[in-house]
Amino acid sequence: QYLVKLKSSEDSVKTASDELERLRSLQGAEESALLHQAKVENADLGQKVSQLQEELIKVRAAAEQSKALGSLFEEKAKEEAGRNAKLEEQLRNYNSKFNELQAEKNAEL
């Protein structure tokens, strides 16, 4: 009877040991799967960060280009305003001369 109990105890220990080994194996597989998933997610996030950095570079370049074009247009507008002022001065001078000539012609008549 003692041997039967001993055998039963050995079987119980063996069953518990096998179950413990099975649980450790499952835990290892789960940890491995979680690690793989984390690596995949990390790679995805790295790729998204790279894409966002590229987009940011493009946006900054477009902003710089827009700023440069704005400055160029502002400079051209100032030049155009200067030319317009000169043309207006010329037109006043021509009108004044025309009026003088017209007055002389009228005086001769």
PDB file of N, CA and C in Angstrom:
ATOM      1  N   GLN A   1       0.831  -1.191   0.000  1.00  0.00           N
ATOM      2  CA  GLN A   1       0.000   0.000   0.000  1.00  0.00           C
ATOM      3  C   GLN A   1       0.881   1.263   0.000  1.00  0.00           C
ATOM      4  N   TYR A   2       1.948   1.197   0.708  1.00  0.00           N
ATOM      5  CA  TYR A   2       2.891   2.313   0.724  1.00  0.00           C
ATOM      6  C   TYR A   2       3.441   2.553  -0.672  1.00  0.00           C
ATOM      7  N   LEU A   3       3.747   1.483  -1.381  1.00  0.00           N
ATOM      8  CA  LEU A   3       4.273   1.602  -2.743  1.00  0.00           C
ATOM      9  C   LEU A   3       3.231   2.196  -3.686  1.00  0.00           C
ATOM     10  N   VAL A   4       1.972   1.855  -3.467  1.00  0.00           N
ATOM     11  CA  VAL A   4       0.900   2.396  -4.308  1.00  0.00           C
ATOM     12  C   VAL A   4       0.800   3.900  -4.082  1.00  0.00           C
ATOM     13  N   LYS A   5       0.856   4.316  -2.791  1.00  0.00           N
ATOM     14  CA  LYS A   5       0.800   5.742  -2.482  1.00  0.00           C
ATOM     15  C   LYS A   5       2.022   6.456  -3.062  1.00  0.00           C
ATOM     16  N   LEU A   6       3.179   5.825  -2.966  1.00  0.00           N
ATOM     17  CA  LEU A   6       4.403   6.407  -3.510  1.00  0.00           C
ATOM     18  C   LEU A   6       4.292   6.557  -5.014  1.00  0.00           C
ATOM     19  N   LYS A   7       3.774   5.520  -5.642  1.00  0.00           N
ATOM     20  CA  LYS A   7       3.602   5.568  -7.103  1.00  0.00           C
ATOM     21  C   LYS A   7       2.594   6.659  -7.479  1.00  0.00           C
ATOM     22  N   SER A   8       1.517   6.748  -6.712  1.00  0.00           N
ATOM     23  CA  SER A   8       0.501   7.761  -6.968  1.00  0.00           C
ATOM     24  C   SER A   8       1.095   9.160  -6.780  1.00  0.00           C
ATOM     25  N   SER A   9       1.908   9.330  -5.743  1.00  0.00           N
ATOM     26  CA  SER A   9       2.558  10.609  -5.501  1.00  0.00           C
ATOM     27  C   SER A   9       3.533  10.938  -6.615  1.00  0.00           C
ATOM     28  N   GLU A  10       4.286   9.956  -7.077  1.00  0.00           N
ATOM     29  CA  GLU A  10       5.222  10.178  -8.189  1.00  0.00           C
ATOM     30  C   GLU A  10       4.464  10.582  -9.452  1.00  0.00           C
ATOM     31  N   ASP A  11       3.334   9.919  -9.689  1.00  0.00           N
ATOM     32  CA  ASP A  11       2.510  10.255 -10.862  1.00  0.00           C
ATOM     33  C   ASP A  11       1.980  11.687 -10.753  1.00  0.00           C
ATOM     34  N   SER A  12       1.559  12.064  -9.532  1.00  0.00           N
ATOM     35  CA  SER A  12       1.049  13.419  -9.322  1.00  0.00           C
ATOM     36  C   SER A  12       2.162  14.449  -9.549  1.00  0.00           C
ATOM     37  N   VAL A  13       3.361  14.141  -9.017  1.00  0.00           N
ATOM     38  CA  VAL A  13       4.496  15.046  -9.213  1.00  0.00           C
ATOM     39  C   VAL A  13       4.836  15.132 -10.688  1.00  0.00           C
ATOM     40  N   LYS A  14       4.835  14.003 -11.368  1.00  0.00           N
ATOM     41  CA  LYS A  14       5.145  13.970 -12.813  1.00  0.00           C
ATOM     42  C   LYS A  14       4.097  14.783 -13.586  1.00  0.00           C
ATOM     43  N   THR A  15       2.820  14.613 -13.255  1.00  0.00           N
ATOM     44  CA  THR A  15       1.744  15.350 -13.918  1.00  0.00           C
ATOM     45  C   THR A  15       1.907  16.852 -13.665  1.00  0.00           C
ATOM     46  N   ALA A  16       2.179  17.219 -12.413  1.00  0.00           N
ATOM     47  CA  ALA A  16       2.378  18.629 -12.080  1.00  0.00           C
ATOM     48  C   ALA A  16       3.601  19.181 -12.792  1.00  0.00           C
ATOM     49  N   SER A  17       4.665  18.399 -12.858  1.00  0.00           N
ATOM     50  CA  SER A  17       5.882  18.822 -13.536  1.00  0.00           C
ATOM     51  C   SER A  17       5.629  19.018 -15.033  1.00  0.00           C
ATOM     52  N   ASP A  18       4.900  18.071 -15.626  1.00  0.00           N
ATOM     53  CA  ASP A  18       4.558  18.183 -17.053  1.00  0.00           C
ATOM     54  C   ASP A  18       3.696  19.422 -17.317  1.00  0.00           C
ATOM     55  N   GLU A  19       2.741  19.673 -16.406  1.00  0.00           N
ATOM     56  CA  GLU A  19       1.862  20.845 -16.557  1.00  0.00           C
ATOM     57  C   GLU A  19       2.673  22.133 -16.427  1.00  0.00           C
ATOM     58  N   LEU A  20       3.600  22.141 -15.460  1.00  0.00           N
ATOM     59  CA  LEU A  20       4.457  23.305 -15.279  1.00  0.00           C
ATOM     60  C   LEU A  20       5.303  23.546 -16.528  1.00  0.00           C
ATOM     61  N   GLU A  21       5.833  22.505 -17.096  1.00  0.00           N
ATOM     62  CA  GLU A  21       6.639  22.613 -18.321  1.00  0.00           C
ATOM     63  C   GLU A  21       5.788  23.120 -19.486  1.00  0.00           C
ATOM     64  N   ARG A  22       4.562  22.611 -19.562  1.00  0.00           N
ATOM     65  CA  ARG A  22       3.645  23.045 -20.627  1.00  0.00           C
ATOM     66  C   ARG A  22       3.325  24.535 -20.461  1.00  0.00           C
ATOM     67  N   LEU A  23       3.065  24.968 -19.234  1.00  0.00           N
ATOM     68  CA  LEU A  23       2.766  26.380 -18.976  1.00  0.00           C
ATOM     69  C   LEU A  23       3.963  27.267 -19.283  1.00  0.00           C
ATOM     70  N   ARG A  24       5.154  26.813 -18.931  1.00  0.00           N
ATOM     71  CA  ARG A  24       6.373  27.579 -19.250  1.00  0.00           C
ATOM     72  C   ARG A  24       6.549  27.707 -20.758  1.00  0.00           C
ATOM     73  N   SER A  25       6.272  26.636 -21.464  1.00  0.00           N
ATOM     74  CA  SER A  25       6.383  26.648 -22.933  1.00  0.00           C
ATOM     75  C   SER A  25       5.380  27.632 -23.531  1.00  0.00           C
ATOM     76  N   LEU A  26       4.138  27.594 -23.006  1.00  0.00           N
ATOM     77  CA  LEU A  26       3.121  28.539 -23.485  1.00  0.00           C
ATOM     78  C   LEU A  26       3.519  29.970 -23.174  1.00  0.00           C
ATOM     79  N   GLN A  27       4.062  30.194 -21.965  1.00  0.00           N
ATOM     80  CA  GLN A  27       4.491  31.531 -21.579  1.00  0.00           C
ATOM     81  C   GLN A  27       5.616  31.999 -22.497  1.00  0.00           C
ATOM     82  N   GLY A  28       6.559  31.119 -22.797  1.00  0.00           N
ATOM     83  CA  GLY A  28       7.658  31.476 -23.700  1.00  0.00           C
ATOM     84  C   GLY A  28       7.142  31.819 -25.092  1.00  0.00           C
ATOM     85  N   ALA A  29       6.178  31.027 -25.578  1.00  0.00           N
ATOM     86  CA  ALA A  29       5.601  31.293 -26.902  1.00  0.00           C
ATOM     87  C   ALA A  29       4.856  32.625 -26.902  1.00  0.00           C
ATOM     88  N   GLU A  30       4.127  32.881 -25.820  1.00  0.00           N
ATOM     89  CA  GLU A  30       3.383  34.139 -25.723  1.00  0.00           C
ATOM     90  C   GLU A  30       4.340  35.327 -25.662  1.00  0.00           C
ATOM     91  N   GLU A  31       5.397  35.210 -24.885  1.00  0.00           N
ATOM     92  CA  GLU A  31       6.384  36.284 -24.798  1.00  0.00           C
ATOM     93  C   GLU A  31       7.048  36.511 -26.146  1.00  0.00           C
ATOM     94  N   SER A  32       7.334  35.422 -26.835  1.00  0.00           N
ATOM     95  CA  SER A  32       7.951  35.534 -28.165  1.00  0.00           C
ATOM     96  C   SER A  32       7.004  36.231 -29.141  1.00  0.00           C
ATOM     97  N   ALA A  33       5.723  35.850 -29.092  1.00  0.00           N
ATOM     98  CA  ALA A  33       4.731  36.480 -29.973  1.00  0.00           C
ATOM     99  C   ALA A  33       4.586  37.960 -29.649  1.00  0.00           C
ATOM    100  N   LEU A  34       4.555  38.289 -28.349  1.00  0.00           N
ATOM    101  CA  LEU A  34       4.430  39.695 -27.949  1.00  0.00           C
ATOM    102  C   LEU A  34       5.659  40.493 -28.373  1.00  0.00           C
ATOM    103  N   LEU A  35       6.828  39.889 -28.240  1.00  0.00           N
ATOM    104  CA  LEU A  35       8.058  40.560 -28.656  1.00  0.00           C
ATOM    105  C   LEU A  35       8.047  40.808 -30.163  1.00  0.00           C
ATOM    106  N   HIS A  36       7.616  39.799 -30.920  1.00  0.00           N
ATOM    107  CA  HIS A  36       7.536  39.957 -32.385  1.00  0.00           C
ATOM    108  C   HIS A  36       6.543  41.065 -32.739  1.00  0.00           C
ATOM    109  N   GLN A  37       5.385  41.057 -32.075  1.00  0.00           N
ATOM    110  CA  GLN A  37       4.377  42.089 -32.339  1.00  0.00           C
ATOM    111  C   GLN A  37       4.927  43.471 -32.012  1.00  0.00           C
ATOM    112  N   ALA A  38       5.640  43.589 -30.911  1.00  0.00           N
ATOM    113  CA  ALA A  38       6.217  44.892 -30.532  1.00  0.00           C
ATOM    114  C   ALA A  38       7.236  45.334 -31.567  1.00  0.00           C
ATOM    115  N   LYS A  39       8.040  44.397 -32.077  1.00  0.00           N
ATOM    116  CA  LYS A  39       9.030  44.754 -33.095  1.00  0.00           C
ATOM    117  C   LYS A  39       8.341  45.234 -34.363  1.00  0.00           C
ATOM    118  N   VAL A  40       7.285  44.547 -34.768  1.00  0.00           N
ATOM    119  CA  VAL A  40       6.539  44.940 -35.978  1.00  0.00           C
ATOM    120  C   VAL A  40       5.924  46.322 -35.787  1.00  0.00           C
ATOM    121  N   GLU A  41       5.290  46.543 -34.622  1.00  0.00           N
ATOM    122  CA  GLU A  41       4.681  47.850 -34.358  1.00  0.00           C
ATOM    123  C   GLU A  41       5.741  48.940 -34.305  1.00  0.00           C
ATOM    124  N   ASN A  42       6.895  48.644 -33.735  1.00  0.00           N
ATOM    125  CA  ASN A  42       7.984  49.614 -33.660  1.00  0.00           C
ATOM    126  C   ASN A  42       8.483  49.965 -35.062  1.00  0.00           C
ATOM    127  N   ALA A  43       8.600  48.949 -35.918  1.00  0.00           N
ATOM    128  CA  ALA A  43       9.028  49.205 -37.300  1.00  0.00           C
ATOM    129  C   ALA A  43       8.004  50.065 -38.029  1.00  0.00           C
ATOM    130  N   ASP A  44       6.708  49.767 -37.808  1.00  0.00           N
ATOM    131  CA  ASP A  44       5.646  50.570 -38.434  1.00  0.00           C
ATOM    132  C   ASP A  44       5.714  52.014 -37.963  1.00  0.00           C
ATOM    133  N   LEU A  45       5.900  52.196 -36.658  1.00  0.00           N
ATOM    134  CA  LEU A  45       5.990  53.555 -36.122  1.00  0.00           C
ATOM    135  C   LEU A  45       7.220  54.276 -36.666  1.00  0.00           C
ATOM    136  N   GLY A  46       8.326  53.546 -36.786  1.00  0.00           N
ATOM    137  CA  GLY A  46       9.534  54.146 -37.355  1.00  0.00           C
ATOM    138  C   GLY A  46       9.304  54.613 -38.775  1.00  0.00           C
ATOM    139  N   GLN A  47       8.594  53.796 -39.544  1.00  0.00           N
ATOM    140  CA  GLN A  47       8.300  54.160 -40.935  1.00  0.00           C
ATOM    141  C   GLN A  47       7.380  55.388 -40.976  1.00  0.00           C
ATOM    142  N   LYS A  48       6.383  55.428 -40.091  1.00  0.00           N
ATOM    143  CA  LYS A  48       5.470  56.576 -40.062  1.00  0.00           C
ATOM    144  C   LYS A  48       6.213  57.842 -39.661  1.00  0.00           C
ATOM    145  N   VAL A  49       7.119  57.723 -38.707  1.00  0.00           N
ATOM    146  CA  VAL A  49       7.916  58.892 -38.293  1.00  0.00           C
ATOM    147  C   VAL A  49       8.746  59.386 -39.470  1.00  0.00           C
ATOM    148  N   SER A  50       9.347  58.464 -40.207  1.00  0.00           N
ATOM    149  CA  SER A  50      10.146  58.856 -41.376  1.00  0.00           C
ATOM    150  C   SER A  50       9.282  59.575 -42.410  1.00  0.00           C
ATOM    151  N   GLN A  51       8.092  59.046 -42.651  1.00  0.00           N
ATOM    152  CA  GLN A  51       7.191  59.682 -43.612  1.00  0.00           C
ATOM    153  C   GLN A  51       6.801  61.084 -43.150  1.00  0.00           C
ATOM    154  N   LEU A  52       6.504  61.213 -41.863  1.00  0.00           N
ATOM    155  CA  LEU A  52       6.125  62.530 -41.336  1.00  0.00           C
ATOM    156  C   LEU A  52       7.292  63.510 -41.411  1.00  0.00           C
ATOM    157  N   GLN A  53       8.511  63.012 -41.175  1.00  0.00           N
ATOM    158  CA  GLN A  53       9.681  63.881 -41.289  1.00  0.00           C
ATOM    159  C   GLN A  53       9.862  64.349 -42.727  1.00  0.00           C
ATOM    160  N   GLU A  54       9.658  63.443 -43.687  1.00  0.00           N
ATOM    161  CA  GLU A  54       9.761  63.819 -45.100  1.00  0.00           C
ATOM    162  C   GLU A  54       8.702  64.863 -45.456  1.00  0.00           C
ATOM    163  N   GLU A  55       7.474  64.657 -44.969  1.00  0.00           N
ATOM    164  CA  GLU A  55       6.408  65.624 -45.239  1.00  0.00           C
ATOM    165  C   GLU A  55       6.738  66.973 -44.616  1.00  0.00           C
ATOM    166  N   LEU A  56       7.293  66.963 -43.412  1.00  0.00           N
ATOM    167  CA  LEU A  56       7.666  68.205 -42.742  1.00  0.00           C
ATOM    168  C   LEU A  56       8.731  68.951 -43.536  1.00  0.00           C
ATOM    169  N   ILE A  57       9.698  68.222 -44.068  1.00  0.00           N
ATOM    170  CA  ILE A  57      10.737  68.842 -44.898  1.00  0.00           C
ATOM    171  C   ILE A  57      10.104  69.495 -46.125  1.00  0.00           C
ATOM    172  N   LYS A  58       9.158  68.792 -46.752  1.00  0.00           N
ATOM    173  CA  LYS A  58       8.484  69.344 -47.932  1.00  0.00           C
ATOM    174  C   LYS A  58       7.678  70.593 -47.581  1.00  0.00           C
ATOM    175  N   VAL A  59       6.985  70.539 -46.449  1.00  0.00           N
ATOM    176  CA  VAL A  59       6.169  71.688 -46.029  1.00  0.00           C
ATOM    177  C   VAL A  59       7.066  72.884 -45.730  1.00  0.00           C
ATOM    178  N   ARG A  60       8.183  72.629 -45.058  1.00  0.00           N
ATOM    179  CA  ARG A  60       9.110  73.726 -44.751  1.00  0.00           C
ATOM    180  C   ARG A  60       9.683  74.322 -46.036  1.00  0.00           C
ATOM    181  N   ALA A  61      10.014  73.447 -46.994  1.00  0.00           N
ATOM    182  CA  ALA A  61      10.544  73.939 -48.269  1.00  0.00           C
ATOM    183  C   ALA A  61       9.492  74.774 -48.990  1.00  0.00           C
ATOM    184  N   ALA A  62       8.240  74.309 -48.977  1.00  0.00           N
ATOM    185  CA  ALA A  62       7.165  75.068 -49.620  1.00  0.00           C
ATOM    186  C   ALA A  62       6.958  76.407 -48.921  1.00  0.00           C
ATOM    187  N   ALA A  63       7.062  76.418 -47.598  1.00  0.00           N
ATOM    188  CA  ALA A  63       6.911  77.670 -46.855  1.00  0.00           C
ATOM    189  C   ALA A  63       8.033  78.643 -47.200  1.00  0.00           C
ATOM    190  N   GLU A  64       9.249  78.133 -47.291  1.00  0.00           N
ATOM    191  CA  GLU A  64      10.385  78.991 -47.670  1.00  0.00           C
ATOM    192  C   GLU A  64      10.201  79.531 -49.084  1.00  0.00           C
ATOM    193  N   GLN A  65       9.744  78.671 -49.982  1.00  0.00           N
ATOM    194  CA  GLN A  65       9.517  79.098 -51.360  1.00  0.00           C
ATOM    195  C   GLN A  65       8.419  80.161 -51.409  1.00  0.00           C
ATOM    196  N   SER A  66       7.357  79.935 -50.634  1.00  0.00           N
ATOM    197  CA  SER A  66       6.266  80.906 -50.584  1.00  0.00           C
ATOM    198  C   SER A  66       6.756  82.234 -50.031  1.00  0.00           C
ATOM    199  N   LYS A  67       7.577  82.172 -49.004  1.00  0.00           N
ATOM    200  CA  LYS A  67       8.131  83.389 -48.408  1.00  0.00           C
ATOM    201  C   LYS A  67       9.002  84.127 -49.426  1.00  0.00           C
ATOM    202  N   ALA A  68       9.825  83.364 -50.150  1.00  0.00           N
ATOM    203  CA  ALA A  68      10.695  83.979 -51.152  1.00  0.00           C
ATOM    204  C   ALA A  68       9.859  84.614 -52.265  1.00  0.00           C
ATOM    205  N   LEU A  69       8.801  83.919 -52.698  1.00  0.00           N
ATOM    206  CA  LEU A  69       7.935  84.483 -53.738  1.00  0.00           C
ATOM    207  C   LEU A  69       7.228  85.732 -53.231  1.00  0.00           C
ATOM    208  N   GLY A  70       6.803  85.704 -51.967  1.00  0.00           N
ATOM    209  CA  GLY A  70       6.162  86.880 -51.386  1.00  0.00           C
ATOM    210  C   GLY A  70       7.105  88.071 -51.382  1.00  0.00           C
ATOM    211  N   SER A  71       8.358  87.830 -51.023  1.00  0.00           N
ATOM    212  CA  SER A  71       9.351  88.909 -51.023  1.00  0.00           C
ATOM    213  C   SER A  71       9.586  89.420 -52.438  1.00  0.00           C
ATOM    214  N   LEU A  72       9.655  88.487 -53.385  1.00  0.00           N
ATOM    215  CA  LEU A  72       9.860  88.879 -54.779  1.00  0.00           C
ATOM    216  C   LEU A  72       8.693  89.719 -55.278  1.00  0.00           C
ATOM    217  N   PHE A  73       7.458  89.281 -54.986  1.00  0.00           N
ATOM    218  CA  PHE A  73       6.294  90.049 -55.417  1.00  0.00           C
ATOM    219  C   PHE A  73       6.276  91.423 -54.761  1.00  0.00           C
ATOM    220  N   GLU A  74       6.665  91.485 -53.492  1.00  0.00           N
ATOM    221  CA  GLU A  74       6.708  92.760 -52.792  1.00  0.00           C
ATOM    222  C   GLU A  74       7.723  93.688 -53.450  1.00  0.00           C
ATOM    223  N   GLU A  75       8.882  93.140 -53.796  1.00  0.00           N
ATOM    224  CA  GLU A  75       9.922  93.934 -54.462  1.00  0.00           C
ATOM    225  C   GLU A  75       9.424  94.419 -55.829  1.00  0.00           C
ATOM    226  N   LYS A  76       8.787  93.527 -56.576  1.00  0.00           N
ATOM    227  CA  LYS A  76       8.264  93.905 -57.896  1.00  0.00           C
ATOM    228  C   LYS A  76       7.172  94.965 -57.762  1.00  0.00           C
ATOM    229  N   ALA A  77       6.352  94.859 -56.734  1.00  0.00           N
ATOM    230  CA  ALA A  77       5.291  95.847 -56.525  1.00  0.00           C
ATOM    231  C   ALA A  77       5.893  97.222 -56.233  1.00  0.00           C
ATOM    232  N   LYS A  78       6.966  97.258 -55.449  1.00  0.00           N
ATOM    233  CA  LYS A  78       7.638  98.526 -55.162  1.00  0.00           C
ATOM    234  C   LYS A  78       8.235  99.118 -56.436  1.00  0.00           C
ATOM    235  N   GLU A  79       8.858  98.241 -57.248  1.00  0.00           N
ATOM    236  CA  GLU A  79       9.427  98.717 -58.520  1.00  0.00           C
ATOM    237  C   GLU A  79       8.321  99.277 -59.416  1.00  0.00           C
ATOM    238  N   GLU A  80       7.207  98.559 -59.472  1.00  0.00           N
ATOM    239  CA  GLU A  80       6.084  98.990 -60.309  1.00  0.00           C
ATOM    240  C   GLU A  80       5.524 100.325 -59.798  1.00  0.00           C
ATOM    241  N   ALA A  81       5.437 100.472 -58.490  1.00  0.00           N
ATOM    242  CA  ALA A  81       4.945 101.734 -57.917  1.00  0.00           C
ATOM    243  C   ALA A  81       5.891 102.874 -58.276  1.00  0.00           C
ATOM    244  N   GLY A  82       7.200 102.605 -58.250  1.00  0.00           N
ATOM    245  CA  GLY A  82       8.182 103.627 -58.646  1.00  0.00           C
ATOM    246  C   GLY A  82       8.026 104.006 -60.105  1.00  0.00           C
ATOM    247  N   ARG A  83       7.846 103.020 -60.970  1.00  0.00           N
ATOM    248  CA  ARG A  83       7.646 103.305 -62.407  1.00  0.00           C
ATOM    249  C   ARG A  83       6.358 104.086 -62.624  1.00  0.00           C
ATOM    250  N   ASN A  84       5.310 103.704 -61.897  1.00  0.00           N
ATOM    251  CA  ASN A  84       4.035 104.420 -62.040  1.00  0.00           C
ATOM    252  C   ASN A  84       4.183 105.877 -61.614  1.00  0.00           C
ATOM    253  N   ALA A  85       4.913 106.105 -60.525  1.00  0.00           N
ATOM    254  CA  ALA A  85       5.118 107.483 -60.064  1.00  0.00           C
ATOM    255  C   ALA A  85       5.867 108.290 -61.120  1.00  0.00           C
ATOM    256  N   LYS A  86       6.882 107.687 -61.743  1.00  0.00           N
ATOM    257  CA  LYS A  86       7.634 108.384 -62.795  1.00  0.00           C
ATOM    258  C   LYS A  86       6.738 108.677 -63.993  1.00  0.00           C
ATOM    259  N   LEU A  87       5.920 107.699 -64.379  1.00  0.00           N
ATOM    260  CA  LEU A  87       5.018 107.896 -65.516  1.00  0.00           C
ATOM    261  C   LEU A  87       3.980 108.990 -65.214  1.00  0.00           C
ATOM    262  N   GLU A  88       3.473 108.986 -63.989  1.00  0.00           N
ATOM    263  CA  GLU A  88       2.522 110.034 -63.613  1.00  0.00           C
ATOM    264  C   GLU A  88       3.174 111.413 -63.669  1.00  0.00           C
ATOM    265  N   GLU A  89       4.426 111.501 -63.220  1.00  0.00           N
ATOM    266  CA  GLU A  89       5.164 112.772 -63.276  1.00  0.00           C
ATOM    267  C   GLU A  89       5.347 113.192 -64.732  1.00  0.00           C
ATOM    268  N   GLN A  90       5.723 112.248 -65.588  1.00  0.00           N
ATOM    269  CA  GLN A  90       5.883 112.550 -67.015  1.00  0.00           C
ATOM    270  C   GLN A  90       4.567 113.034 -67.613  1.00  0.00           C
ATOM    271  N   LEU A  91       3.488 112.350 -67.246  1.00  0.00           N
ATOM    272  CA  LEU A  91       2.183 112.721 -67.780  1.00  0.00           C
ATOM    273  C   LEU A  91       1.802 114.138 -67.335  1.00  0.00           C
ATOM    274  N   ARG A  92       2.064 114.454 -66.088  1.00  0.00           N
ATOM    275  CA  ARG A  92       1.783 115.825 -65.624  1.00  0.00           C
ATOM    276  C   ARG A  92       2.616 116.843 -66.410  1.00  0.00           C
ATOM    277  N   ASN A  93       3.900 116.497 -66.623  1.00  0.00           N
ATOM    278  CA  ASN A  93       4.763 117.405 -67.387  1.00  0.00           C
ATOM    279  C   ASN A  93       4.244 117.590 -68.810  1.00  0.00           C
ATOM    280  N   TYR A  94       3.851 116.487 -69.445  1.00  0.00           N
ATOM    281  CA  TYR A  94       3.316 116.584 -70.813  1.00  0.00           C
ATOM    282  C   TYR A  94       2.019 117.398 -70.838  1.00  0.00           C
ATOM    283  N   ASN A  95       1.156 117.175 -69.869  1.00  0.00           N
ATOM    284  CA  ASN A  95      -0.099 117.933 -69.799  1.00  0.00           C
ATOM    285  C   ASN A  95       0.179 119.421 -69.596  1.00  0.00           C
ATOM    286  N   SER A  96       1.139 119.678 -68.730  1.00  0.00           N
ATOM    287  CA  SER A  96       1.499 121.076 -68.478  1.00  0.00           C
ATOM    288  C   SER A  96       2.024 121.720 -69.757  1.00  0.00           C
ATOM    289  N   LYS A  97       2.923 121.018 -70.463  1.00  0.00           N
ATOM    290  CA  LYS A  97       3.487 121.538 -71.716  1.00  0.00           C
ATOM    291  C   LYS A  97       2.390 121.726 -72.754  1.00  0.00           C
ATOM    292  N   PHE A  98       1.477 120.709 -72.815  1.00  0.00           N
ATOM    293  CA  PHE A  98       0.373 120.801 -73.772  1.00  0.00           C
ATOM    294  C   PHE A  98      -0.492 122.026 -73.463  1.00  0.00           C
ATOM    295  N   ASN A  99      -0.770 122.225 -72.194  1.00  0.00           N
ATOM    296  CA  ASN A  99      -1.593 123.378 -71.809  1.00  0.00           C
ATOM    297  C   ASN A  99      -0.894 124.692 -72.158  1.00  0.00           C
ATOM    298  N   GLU A 100       0.441 124.742 -71.977  1.00  0.00           N
ATOM    299  CA  GLU A 100       1.195 125.947 -72.342  1.00  0.00           C
ATOM    300  C   GLU A 100       1.101 126.192 -73.846  1.00  0.00           C
ATOM    301  N   LEU A 101       1.315 125.130 -74.623  1.00  0.00           N
ATOM    302  CA  LEU A 101       1.239 125.276 -76.082  1.00  0.00           C
ATOM    303  C   LEU A 101      -0.171 125.670 -76.521  1.00  0.00           C
ATOM    304  N   GLN A 102      -1.157 125.075 -75.882  1.00  0.00           N
ATOM    305  CA  GLN A 102      -2.542 125.400 -76.210  1.00  0.00           C
ATOM    306  C   GLN A 102      -2.825 126.874 -75.889  1.00  0.00           C
ATOM    307  N   ALA A 103      -2.286 127.334 -74.763  1.00  0.00           N
ATOM    308  CA  ALA A 103      -2.503 128.730 -74.385  1.00  0.00           C
ATOM    309  C   ALA A 103      -1.822 129.654 -75.373  1.00  0.00           C
ATOM    310  N   GLU A 104      -0.607 129.300 -75.824  1.00  0.00           N
ATOM    311  CA  GLU A 104       0.114 130.109 -76.814  1.00  0.00           C
ATOM    312  C   GLU A 104      -0.672 130.150 -78.134  1.00  0.00           C
ATOM    313  N   LYS A 105      -1.189 128.994 -78.530  1.00  0.00           N
ATOM    314  CA  LYS A 105      -1.964 128.921 -79.792  1.00  0.00           C
ATOM    315  C   LYS A 105      -3.222 129.782 -79.686  1.00  0.00           C
ATOM    316  N   ASN A 106      -3.883 129.686 -78.561  1.00  0.00           N
ATOM    317  CA  ASN A 106      -5.086 130.497 -78.343  1.00  0.00           C
ATOM    318  C   ASN A 106      -4.753 131.987 -78.321  1.00  0.00           C
ATOM    319  N   ALA A 107      -3.583 132.328 -77.777  1.00  0.00           N
ATOM    320  CA  ALA A 107      -3.192 133.726 -77.709  1.00  0.00           C
ATOM    321  C   ALA A 107      -2.884 134.255 -79.108  1.00  0.00           C
ATOM    322  N   GLU A 108      -2.351 133.408 -79.951  1.00  0.00           N
ATOM    323  CA  GLU A 108      -2.037 133.837 -81.325  1.00  0.00           C
ATOM    324  C   GLU A 108      -3.311 134.069 -82.113  1.00  0.00           C
ATOM    325  N   LEU A 109      -4.331 133.332 -81.818  1.00  0.00           N
ATOM    326  CA  LEU A 109      -5.583 133.488 -82.535  1.00  0.00           C
ATOM    327  C   LEU A 109      -6.261 134.723 -82.072  1.00  0.00           C
TER     328      LEU A 109
END
